[in-house]
Amino acid sequence: MKHEKIHMPNLSYIAAFVIGVIFFAVLWRMLFGSASGLMVLAGMIGTATAVTIFWLRNENQHHGKGKQ
């Protein structure tokens, strides 16, 4: 089994997801006074969607640039 290095852009997308969920929960609590489980879940889904879209866009833009 070959040891592979962690692909740094993938790590940054995970970090963006975590930061986005925390930001959403804090913002929701400041604006509405509570951070219910459903609202945090909605924030997680929204953040995951945004991070996935940016990741796919980045992969499509850089696809094949290093293969010649």
Protein backbone atom coordinates (compact mmCIF):
# COMPACT_ATOMS: atom_id res chain seq x y z
CA MET A 1 0.00 0.00 0.00
CA LYS A 2 1.50 3.30 -1.11
CA HIS A 3 1.65 6.13 1.43
CA GLU A 4 0.02 9.19 -0.11
CA LYS A 5 0.37 12.77 1.03
CA ILE A 6 -2.66 14.76 2.10
CA HIS A 7 -3.90 16.91 -0.76
CA MET A 8 -3.79 20.38 0.83
CA PRO A 9 -6.73 21.88 -1.09
CA ASN A 10 -8.94 19.09 0.26
CA LEU A 11 -7.82 19.98 3.78
CA SER A 12 -8.69 23.63 3.16
CA TYR A 13 -12.21 22.67 2.06
CA ILE A 14 -12.71 20.73 5.30
CA ALA A 15 -11.49 23.74 7.27
CA ALA A 16 -13.83 26.03 5.30
CA PHE A 17 -16.74 23.73 6.15
CA VAL A 18 -15.98 23.75 9.88
CA ILE A 19 -15.46 27.53 9.97
CA GLY A 20 -18.67 28.08 8.01
CA VAL A 21 -20.75 25.97 10.39
CA ILE A 22 -19.32 27.75 13.44
CA PHE A 23 -19.88 31.16 11.81
CA PHE A 24 -23.48 30.28 10.92
CA ALA A 25 -24.27 29.05 14.45
CA VAL A 26 -22.75 32.16 16.08
CA LEU A 27 -24.46 34.53 13.64
CA TRP A 28 -27.82 32.80 14.09
CA ARG A 29 -27.49 32.96 17.89
CA MET A 30 -26.60 36.67 17.81
CA LEU A 31 -29.50 37.56 15.49
CA PHE A 32 -32.26 35.35 16.89
CA GLY A 33 -31.14 34.49 20.43
CA SER A 34 -31.00 30.72 20.03
CA ALA A 35 -29.12 28.14 18.05
CA SER A 36 -31.48 25.19 17.78
CA GLY A 37 -30.27 21.89 16.41
CA LEU A 38 -32.32 22.25 13.23
CA MET A 39 -30.83 25.66 12.46
CA VAL A 40 -27.29 24.40 12.99
CA LEU A 41 -28.11 21.43 10.74
CA ALA A 42 -29.44 23.82 8.08
CA GLY A 43 -26.21 25.80 8.34
CA MET A 44 -24.16 22.64 7.98
CA ILE A 45 -26.09 21.62 4.87
CA GLY A 46 -25.76 25.08 3.31
CA THR A 47 -22.07 25.31 4.09
CA ALA A 48 -21.42 21.79 2.80
CA THR A 49 -23.20 22.66 -0.44
CA ALA A 50 -21.20 25.84 -0.94
CA VAL A 51 -17.88 24.16 -0.13
CA THR A 52 -18.68 21.26 -2.48
CA ILE A 53 -19.56 23.62 -5.33
CA PHE A 54 -16.32 25.59 -4.91
CA TRP A 55 -14.33 22.34 -4.71
CA LEU A 56 -15.90 20.99 -7.90
CA ARG A 57 -15.34 24.31 -9.67
CA ASN A 58 -11.69 24.30 -8.61
CA GLU A 59 -11.20 20.69 -9.72
CA ASN A 60 -12.78 21.42 -13.12
CA GLN A 61 -10.59 24.50 -13.66
CA HIS A 62 -7.36 22.68 -12.79
CA HIS A 63 -8.20 19.33 -14.40
CA GLY A 64 -5.39 18.15 -16.62
CA LYS A 65 -3.05 21.12 -16.09
CA GLY A 66 -0.32 18.95 -14.61
CA LYS A 67 -0.65 16.04 -17.05
CA GLN A 68 1.35 16.39 -20.27
